[in-house]
N, C-alpha and C. Protein backbone atom coordinates (compact mmCIF):
# COMPACT_ATOMS: atom_id res chain seq x y z
N MET A 1 -53.51 83.89 267.52
CA MET A 1 -53.97 84.44 266.26
C MET A 1 -55.46 84.74 266.36
N SER A 2 -55.85 85.88 265.88
CA SER A 2 -57.25 86.25 265.87
C SER A 2 -58.02 85.31 264.94
N ARG A 3 -59.23 84.99 265.29
CA ARG A 3 -60.05 84.10 264.47
C ARG A 3 -60.84 84.89 263.43
N ALA A 4 -60.66 86.20 263.38
CA ALA A 4 -61.35 87.01 262.36
C ALA A 4 -60.84 86.59 260.99
N PHE A 5 -61.72 86.48 260.06
CA PHE A 5 -61.43 86.11 258.68
C PHE A 5 -60.90 84.69 258.53
N VAL A 6 -61.03 83.87 259.54
CA VAL A 6 -60.58 82.48 259.44
C VAL A 6 -61.81 81.60 259.37
N ARG A 7 -61.80 80.71 258.40
CA ARG A 7 -62.94 79.83 258.20
C ARG A 7 -62.41 78.41 258.05
N GLU A 8 -63.14 77.47 258.58
CA GLU A 8 -62.73 76.08 258.41
C GLU A 8 -63.41 75.51 257.18
N SER A 9 -62.64 74.77 256.41
CA SER A 9 -63.20 74.14 255.21
C SER A 9 -63.90 72.86 255.64
N GLU A 10 -64.53 72.21 254.68
CA GLU A 10 -65.25 70.97 254.97
C GLU A 10 -64.32 69.90 255.53
N GLY A 11 -63.05 69.94 255.16
CA GLY A 11 -62.08 68.95 255.63
C GLY A 11 -61.57 69.26 257.02
N GLY A 12 -61.92 70.41 257.59
CA GLY A 12 -61.54 70.74 258.93
C GLY A 12 -60.35 71.68 259.04
N GLU A 13 -59.57 71.86 257.97
CA GLU A 13 -58.43 72.76 258.08
C GLU A 13 -58.92 74.21 257.98
N ALA A 14 -58.19 75.10 258.65
CA ALA A 14 -58.56 76.51 258.66
C ALA A 14 -57.78 77.25 257.59
N PHE A 15 -58.42 78.25 256.99
CA PHE A 15 -57.73 79.13 256.06
C PHE A 15 -58.33 80.51 256.18
N GLU A 16 -57.56 81.49 255.80
CA GLU A 16 -58.02 82.87 255.90
C GLU A 16 -58.94 83.21 254.74
N ASP A 17 -60.09 83.80 255.07
CA ASP A 17 -61.02 84.31 254.07
C ASP A 17 -60.64 85.78 253.90
N LEU A 18 -59.86 86.06 252.90
CA LEU A 18 -59.27 87.38 252.75
C LEU A 18 -60.25 88.42 252.24
N PRO A 19 -60.22 89.61 252.83
CA PRO A 19 -61.07 90.69 252.32
C PRO A 19 -60.51 91.18 250.98
N ASP A 20 -61.38 91.74 250.16
CA ASP A 20 -60.95 92.25 248.86
C ASP A 20 -59.95 93.40 249.04
N ARG A 21 -59.07 93.52 248.06
CA ARG A 21 -58.11 94.62 248.06
C ARG A 21 -58.86 95.91 247.76
N THR A 22 -58.39 97.00 248.34
CA THR A 22 -59.00 98.30 248.13
C THR A 22 -58.76 98.77 246.70
N LEU A 23 -59.81 99.24 246.07
CA LEU A 23 -59.72 99.74 244.69
C LEU A 23 -59.59 101.26 244.71
N SER A 24 -58.60 101.75 244.01
CA SER A 24 -58.37 103.18 243.89
C SER A 24 -59.28 103.75 242.80
N PRO A 25 -59.67 105.01 242.92
CA PRO A 25 -60.46 105.63 241.86
C PRO A 25 -59.62 106.06 240.66
N HIS A 26 -58.30 105.92 240.75
CA HIS A 26 -57.40 106.35 239.67
C HIS A 26 -57.19 105.19 238.71
N HIS A 27 -57.51 105.41 237.41
CA HIS A 27 -57.54 104.30 236.45
C HIS A 27 -56.62 104.46 235.25
N LEU A 28 -55.85 105.53 235.16
CA LEU A 28 -55.01 105.72 233.99
C LEU A 28 -53.86 104.72 233.97
N VAL A 29 -53.57 104.19 232.77
CA VAL A 29 -52.44 103.27 232.59
C VAL A 29 -51.78 103.56 231.25
N THR A 30 -50.51 103.20 231.16
CA THR A 30 -49.81 103.26 229.89
C THR A 30 -50.11 101.98 229.13
N PRO A 31 -49.85 101.93 227.83
CA PRO A 31 -50.02 100.66 227.10
C PRO A 31 -49.20 99.53 227.75
N SER A 32 -48.01 99.86 228.22
CA SER A 32 -47.18 98.86 228.90
C SER A 32 -47.85 98.38 230.20
N GLY A 33 -48.47 99.31 230.91
CA GLY A 33 -49.18 98.96 232.15
C GLY A 33 -50.35 98.03 231.88
N LEU A 34 -51.05 98.26 230.78
CA LEU A 34 -52.16 97.39 230.41
C LEU A 34 -51.64 95.99 230.10
N ALA A 35 -50.53 95.90 229.40
CA ALA A 35 -49.93 94.59 229.11
C ALA A 35 -49.50 93.89 230.39
N GLN A 36 -48.99 94.66 231.35
CA GLN A 36 -48.61 94.08 232.65
C GLN A 36 -49.84 93.51 233.36
N MET A 37 -50.96 94.24 233.30
CA MET A 37 -52.20 93.75 233.90
C MET A 37 -52.63 92.44 233.26
N ASP A 38 -52.61 92.40 231.93
CA ASP A 38 -53.01 91.19 231.22
C ASP A 38 -52.13 90.01 231.62
N ALA A 39 -50.83 90.24 231.73
CA ALA A 39 -49.90 89.18 232.11
C ALA A 39 -50.17 88.71 233.54
N GLU A 40 -50.46 89.65 234.43
CA GLU A 40 -50.74 89.30 235.83
C GLU A 40 -52.02 88.48 235.92
N ILE A 41 -53.05 88.86 235.18
CA ILE A 41 -54.31 88.11 235.19
C ILE A 41 -54.08 86.70 234.67
N GLU A 42 -53.32 86.57 233.60
CA GLU A 42 -53.03 85.25 233.04
C GLU A 42 -52.27 84.38 234.05
N THR A 43 -51.30 84.97 234.71
CA THR A 43 -50.52 84.23 235.72
C THR A 43 -51.41 83.80 236.88
N LEU A 44 -52.25 84.70 237.35
CA LEU A 44 -53.14 84.37 238.47
C LEU A 44 -54.13 83.28 238.09
N GLU A 45 -54.68 83.34 236.88
CA GLU A 45 -55.61 82.30 236.43
C GLU A 45 -54.92 80.93 236.40
N ARG A 46 -53.70 80.90 235.89
CA ARG A 46 -52.95 79.65 235.82
C ARG A 46 -52.64 79.12 237.23
N ARG A 47 -52.21 80.00 238.12
CA ARG A 47 -51.88 79.58 239.48
C ARG A 47 -53.14 79.15 240.25
N LEU A 48 -54.28 79.79 239.96
CA LEU A 48 -55.53 79.40 240.61
C LEU A 48 -55.93 77.99 240.19
N GLU A 49 -55.78 77.69 238.92
CA GLU A 49 -56.08 76.33 238.45
C GLU A 49 -55.18 75.30 239.14
N GLN A 50 -53.91 75.64 239.32
CA GLN A 50 -52.98 74.75 240.01
C GLN A 50 -53.39 74.55 241.47
N ALA A 51 -53.81 75.63 242.12
CA ALA A 51 -54.24 75.54 243.52
C ALA A 51 -55.51 74.70 243.64
N LYS A 52 -56.41 74.84 242.67
CA LYS A 52 -57.63 74.03 242.68
C LYS A 52 -57.30 72.55 242.49
N ALA A 53 -56.31 72.27 241.65
CA ALA A 53 -55.94 70.88 241.37
C ALA A 53 -55.44 70.16 242.62
N VAL A 54 -54.80 70.90 243.53
CA VAL A 54 -54.29 70.29 244.76
C VAL A 54 -55.17 70.64 245.96
N ASP A 55 -56.29 71.31 245.71
CA ASP A 55 -57.27 71.68 246.73
C ASP A 55 -56.65 72.50 247.86
N ASP A 56 -55.81 73.48 247.48
CA ASP A 56 -55.16 74.37 248.44
C ASP A 56 -56.09 75.56 248.68
N LYS A 57 -56.93 75.44 249.69
CA LYS A 57 -57.98 76.45 249.94
C LYS A 57 -57.40 77.83 250.26
N ALA A 58 -56.36 77.88 251.06
CA ALA A 58 -55.78 79.17 251.41
C ALA A 58 -55.21 79.86 250.18
N GLU A 59 -54.51 79.12 249.34
CA GLU A 59 -53.95 79.69 248.12
C GLU A 59 -55.06 80.08 247.16
N MET A 60 -56.11 79.28 247.07
CA MET A 60 -57.25 79.61 246.21
C MET A 60 -57.90 80.92 246.66
N ALA A 61 -58.03 81.11 247.98
CA ALA A 61 -58.63 82.33 248.51
C ALA A 61 -57.77 83.55 248.15
N ARG A 62 -56.47 83.43 248.33
CA ARG A 62 -55.56 84.54 248.04
C ARG A 62 -55.55 84.86 246.55
N LEU A 63 -55.43 83.84 245.73
CA LEU A 63 -55.37 84.05 244.28
C LEU A 63 -56.70 84.58 243.74
N SER A 64 -57.81 84.10 244.28
CA SER A 64 -59.13 84.58 243.84
C SER A 64 -59.28 86.06 244.17
N ARG A 65 -58.85 86.45 245.37
CA ARG A 65 -58.91 87.86 245.75
C ARG A 65 -58.09 88.71 244.79
N ASP A 66 -56.85 88.28 244.52
CA ASP A 66 -55.99 89.05 243.62
C ASP A 66 -56.54 89.07 242.20
N LEU A 67 -57.12 87.98 241.75
CA LEU A 67 -57.71 87.93 240.42
C LEU A 67 -58.91 88.88 240.31
N ARG A 68 -59.73 88.94 241.36
CA ARG A 68 -60.86 89.89 241.36
C ARG A 68 -60.33 91.31 241.24
N TYR A 69 -59.30 91.63 242.01
CA TYR A 69 -58.73 92.98 241.99
C TYR A 69 -58.24 93.33 240.58
N TRP A 70 -57.40 92.48 240.00
CA TRP A 70 -56.82 92.79 238.69
C TRP A 70 -57.87 92.79 237.59
N SER A 71 -58.88 91.95 237.70
CA SER A 71 -59.94 91.92 236.69
C SER A 71 -60.72 93.23 236.69
N VAL A 72 -61.04 93.74 237.87
CA VAL A 72 -61.76 95.02 237.98
C VAL A 72 -60.87 96.15 237.48
N ARG A 73 -59.59 96.14 237.87
CA ARG A 73 -58.67 97.18 237.42
C ARG A 73 -58.52 97.16 235.90
N ARG A 74 -58.51 95.96 235.33
CA ARG A 74 -58.35 95.83 233.88
C ARG A 74 -59.55 96.40 233.15
N VAL A 75 -60.74 96.10 233.63
CA VAL A 75 -61.97 96.58 232.99
C VAL A 75 -62.09 98.10 233.08
N SER A 76 -61.65 98.67 234.20
CA SER A 76 -61.80 100.12 234.40
C SER A 76 -60.59 100.91 233.89
N ALA A 77 -59.56 100.25 233.40
CA ALA A 77 -58.34 100.94 232.96
C ALA A 77 -58.61 101.87 231.79
N GLU A 78 -58.04 103.05 231.87
CA GLU A 78 -58.11 104.03 230.78
C GLU A 78 -56.70 104.15 230.22
N VAL A 79 -56.49 103.59 229.03
CA VAL A 79 -55.16 103.60 228.43
C VAL A 79 -54.87 104.97 227.84
N VAL A 80 -53.73 105.53 228.23
CA VAL A 80 -53.29 106.82 227.71
C VAL A 80 -52.11 106.55 226.78
N PRO A 81 -52.23 106.94 225.52
CA PRO A 81 -51.13 106.71 224.59
C PRO A 81 -49.88 107.49 225.03
N PRO A 82 -48.71 107.02 224.61
CA PRO A 82 -47.48 107.74 224.97
C PRO A 82 -47.53 109.17 224.46
N PRO A 83 -46.93 110.10 225.20
CA PRO A 83 -46.94 111.49 224.74
C PRO A 83 -46.13 111.61 223.45
N THR A 84 -46.56 112.53 222.59
CA THR A 84 -45.87 112.72 221.31
C THR A 84 -45.04 113.99 221.30
N ASP A 85 -45.29 114.89 222.25
CA ASP A 85 -44.45 116.09 222.29
C ASP A 85 -43.89 116.27 223.69
N THR A 86 -42.86 117.04 223.77
CA THR A 86 -42.15 117.20 225.03
C THR A 86 -42.19 118.64 225.54
N ALA A 87 -43.21 119.37 225.16
CA ALA A 87 -43.32 120.77 225.57
C ALA A 87 -43.51 120.89 227.09
N TYR A 88 -44.22 119.95 227.66
CA TYR A 88 -44.45 119.98 229.10
C TYR A 88 -44.64 118.56 229.61
N VAL A 89 -44.54 118.40 230.93
CA VAL A 89 -44.66 117.09 231.57
C VAL A 89 -46.12 116.67 231.57
N ARG A 90 -46.33 115.44 231.14
CA ARG A 90 -47.68 114.86 231.14
C ARG A 90 -47.57 113.37 231.44
N PHE A 91 -48.71 112.72 231.57
CA PHE A 91 -48.77 111.28 231.84
C PHE A 91 -47.96 110.53 230.78
N GLY A 92 -47.11 109.61 231.21
CA GLY A 92 -46.31 108.81 230.31
C GLY A 92 -44.95 109.39 229.99
N ALA A 93 -44.71 110.65 230.34
CA ALA A 93 -43.43 111.29 230.01
C ALA A 93 -42.30 110.74 230.87
N LEU A 94 -41.11 110.79 230.31
CA LEU A 94 -39.88 110.44 231.02
C LEU A 94 -39.21 111.77 231.37
N VAL A 95 -39.09 112.03 232.67
CA VAL A 95 -38.64 113.34 233.14
C VAL A 95 -37.36 113.19 233.96
N THR A 96 -36.36 114.01 233.64
CA THR A 96 -35.13 114.04 234.43
C THR A 96 -35.10 115.34 235.20
N ILE A 97 -34.85 115.22 236.50
CA ILE A 97 -34.74 116.39 237.37
C ILE A 97 -33.33 116.44 237.95
N GLU A 98 -32.91 117.64 238.31
CA GLU A 98 -31.63 117.80 238.99
C GLU A 98 -31.90 118.45 240.33
N ARG A 99 -31.45 117.77 241.36
CA ARG A 99 -31.62 118.29 242.72
C ARG A 99 -30.58 119.37 243.00
N VAL A 100 -30.76 120.12 244.07
CA VAL A 100 -29.84 121.21 244.39
C VAL A 100 -28.43 120.70 244.69
N ASP A 101 -28.30 119.44 245.08
CA ASP A 101 -26.96 118.89 245.35
C ASP A 101 -26.30 118.34 244.08
N GLY A 102 -26.96 118.52 242.93
CA GLY A 102 -26.38 118.10 241.65
C GLY A 102 -26.80 116.71 241.19
N ARG A 103 -27.44 115.93 242.06
CA ARG A 103 -27.88 114.59 241.65
C ARG A 103 -29.00 114.71 240.62
N GLN A 104 -28.93 113.85 239.60
CA GLN A 104 -30.00 113.80 238.61
C GLN A 104 -30.77 112.49 238.78
N GLN A 105 -32.08 112.58 238.65
CA GLN A 105 -32.94 111.41 238.73
C GLN A 105 -33.93 111.47 237.58
N THR A 106 -34.23 110.28 237.03
CA THR A 106 -35.15 110.19 235.91
C THR A 106 -36.32 109.29 236.29
N TYR A 107 -37.53 109.77 236.01
CA TYR A 107 -38.74 109.01 236.31
C TYR A 107 -39.69 109.05 235.12
N ARG A 108 -40.40 107.95 234.92
CA ARG A 108 -41.51 107.92 233.96
C ARG A 108 -42.79 108.00 234.79
N ILE A 109 -43.71 108.85 234.37
CA ILE A 109 -44.98 109.03 235.08
C ILE A 109 -45.98 108.05 234.51
N VAL A 110 -46.47 107.14 235.38
CA VAL A 110 -47.32 106.03 234.95
C VAL A 110 -48.53 105.88 235.87
N GLY A 111 -49.33 104.86 235.63
CA GLY A 111 -50.49 104.57 236.46
C GLY A 111 -50.09 103.99 237.82
N GLU A 112 -51.02 104.03 238.75
CA GLU A 112 -50.75 103.56 240.11
C GLU A 112 -50.26 102.12 240.16
N ASP A 113 -50.91 101.24 239.44
CA ASP A 113 -50.58 99.82 239.52
C ASP A 113 -49.25 99.46 238.86
N GLU A 114 -48.72 100.32 238.03
CA GLU A 114 -47.46 100.02 237.35
C GLU A 114 -46.28 100.79 237.94
N ALA A 115 -46.54 101.64 238.93
CA ALA A 115 -45.48 102.45 239.53
C ALA A 115 -44.54 101.61 240.38
N ASP A 116 -43.26 101.89 240.23
CA ASP A 116 -42.20 101.25 241.02
C ASP A 116 -41.03 102.22 241.07
N PRO A 117 -41.01 103.13 242.06
CA PRO A 117 -39.97 104.16 242.11
C PRO A 117 -38.55 103.59 242.04
N ALA A 118 -38.31 102.41 242.60
CA ALA A 118 -36.98 101.81 242.55
C ALA A 118 -36.56 101.51 241.11
N LYS A 119 -37.55 101.33 240.23
CA LYS A 119 -37.27 101.06 238.82
C LYS A 119 -37.48 102.29 237.95
N GLY A 120 -37.70 103.44 238.59
CA GLY A 120 -37.80 104.69 237.83
C GLY A 120 -39.18 105.03 237.33
N THR A 121 -40.23 104.42 237.88
CA THR A 121 -41.60 104.78 237.49
C THR A 121 -42.35 105.27 238.72
N ILE A 122 -43.08 106.38 238.56
CA ILE A 122 -43.85 106.93 239.67
C ILE A 122 -45.30 107.12 239.25
N SER A 123 -46.19 106.95 240.19
CA SER A 123 -47.62 107.11 239.94
C SER A 123 -47.95 108.57 239.64
N TYR A 124 -48.84 108.77 238.71
CA TYR A 124 -49.24 110.13 238.35
C TYR A 124 -49.96 110.85 239.48
N VAL A 125 -50.39 110.14 240.51
CA VAL A 125 -51.03 110.79 241.65
C VAL A 125 -50.06 111.00 242.81
N SER A 126 -48.80 110.61 242.63
CA SER A 126 -47.80 110.82 243.68
C SER A 126 -47.49 112.31 243.80
N PRO A 127 -47.05 112.75 244.97
CA PRO A 127 -46.72 114.17 245.12
C PRO A 127 -45.66 114.66 244.12
N LEU A 128 -44.64 113.84 243.85
CA LEU A 128 -43.61 114.26 242.90
C LEU A 128 -44.21 114.42 241.50
N ALA A 129 -44.97 113.45 241.05
CA ALA A 129 -45.59 113.56 239.72
C ALA A 129 -46.52 114.75 239.65
N GLN A 130 -47.28 114.98 240.70
CA GLN A 130 -48.19 116.13 240.72
C GLN A 130 -47.42 117.44 240.62
N ALA A 131 -46.25 117.51 241.27
CA ALA A 131 -45.43 118.72 241.19
C ALA A 131 -44.86 118.92 239.79
N LEU A 132 -44.62 117.82 239.08
CA LEU A 132 -44.04 117.87 237.74
C LEU A 132 -45.06 118.16 236.64
N MET A 133 -46.28 117.67 236.80
CA MET A 133 -47.29 117.76 235.74
C MET A 133 -47.50 119.20 235.27
N GLY A 134 -47.46 119.35 233.95
CA GLY A 134 -47.71 120.65 233.35
C GLY A 134 -46.50 121.58 233.31
N LYS A 135 -45.41 121.16 233.91
CA LYS A 135 -44.21 122.00 233.94
C LYS A 135 -43.36 121.78 232.69
N GLU A 136 -42.42 122.71 232.46
CA GLU A 136 -41.56 122.68 231.28
C GLU A 136 -40.10 122.54 231.70
N VAL A 137 -39.24 122.22 230.73
CA VAL A 137 -37.81 122.18 230.99
C VAL A 137 -37.37 123.53 231.53
N GLY A 138 -36.57 123.51 232.59
CA GLY A 138 -36.10 124.74 233.22
C GLY A 138 -36.94 125.16 234.42
N ASP A 139 -38.18 124.64 234.51
CA ASP A 139 -39.01 124.97 235.67
C ASP A 139 -38.42 124.32 236.92
N VAL A 140 -38.62 124.99 238.05
CA VAL A 140 -38.16 124.48 239.34
C VAL A 140 -39.38 124.05 240.13
N ILE A 141 -39.29 122.86 240.73
CA ILE A 141 -40.41 122.33 241.51
C ILE A 141 -39.98 122.16 242.96
N PRO A 142 -40.94 122.27 243.90
CA PRO A 142 -40.61 121.98 245.29
C PRO A 142 -40.39 120.47 245.46
N LEU A 143 -39.43 120.12 246.28
CA LEU A 143 -39.10 118.72 246.51
C LEU A 143 -38.78 118.55 247.99
N GLY A 144 -39.82 118.30 248.77
CA GLY A 144 -39.64 118.24 250.21
C GLY A 144 -39.25 119.61 250.73
N SER A 145 -38.14 119.68 251.47
CA SER A 145 -37.69 120.96 252.01
C SER A 145 -36.73 121.66 251.06
N THR A 146 -36.55 121.11 249.87
CA THR A 146 -35.63 121.68 248.89
C THR A 146 -36.37 121.83 247.55
N GLN A 147 -35.63 121.82 246.47
CA GLN A 147 -36.26 121.94 245.15
C GLN A 147 -35.41 121.23 244.11
N ALA A 148 -35.98 121.11 242.91
CA ALA A 148 -35.28 120.46 241.80
C ALA A 148 -35.69 121.16 240.51
N GLU A 149 -34.79 121.11 239.54
CA GLU A 149 -35.06 121.71 238.23
C GLU A 149 -35.31 120.60 237.22
N ILE A 150 -36.28 120.82 236.34
CA ILE A 150 -36.56 119.87 235.27
C ILE A 150 -35.50 120.07 234.19
N ILE A 151 -34.75 119.00 233.91
CA ILE A 151 -33.64 119.06 232.95
C ILE A 151 -34.10 118.60 231.56
N THR A 152 -34.82 117.47 231.50
CA THR A 152 -35.30 116.97 230.20
C THR A 152 -36.70 116.39 230.35
N ILE A 153 -37.43 116.42 229.26
CA ILE A 153 -38.73 115.76 229.15
C ILE A 153 -38.68 114.95 227.85
N GLU A 154 -38.90 113.66 227.95
CA GLU A 154 -38.89 112.80 226.77
C GLU A 154 -40.20 112.05 226.68
N PRO A 155 -40.57 111.64 225.44
CA PRO A 155 -41.82 110.87 225.31
C PRO A 155 -41.71 109.48 225.92
């Protein structure tokens, strides 16, 4: 194991001194995303106190790093209210597309930190979201080597 980022504590055990997580310049979040951030910060604070209580230096380092990340993201978050009209695709919209093979997929366009494509949420900076933004029902978007049609736009 490389000794980079490994530091010995006063007790002699080694733990990784983790570098900070990379911060993205993209800060938009939905109200739900902001609530998720708040919940994550609360969970991390609680777990950090538990790690301190048992003097788990490695866990304290990891949790502190994650807490720094989420705290900065929380402060810089720009909350975008849910869309109120469905004339075109915008941040927060729920969009259903139909692929050329007939499959339909539905995605909500959200902030980077709340995106989870497996759960139907995609980041507004993702290529798919970028292809959808500003489009209307009936518009066709490029999708890899094929294309898809926008079927519905919901708030």
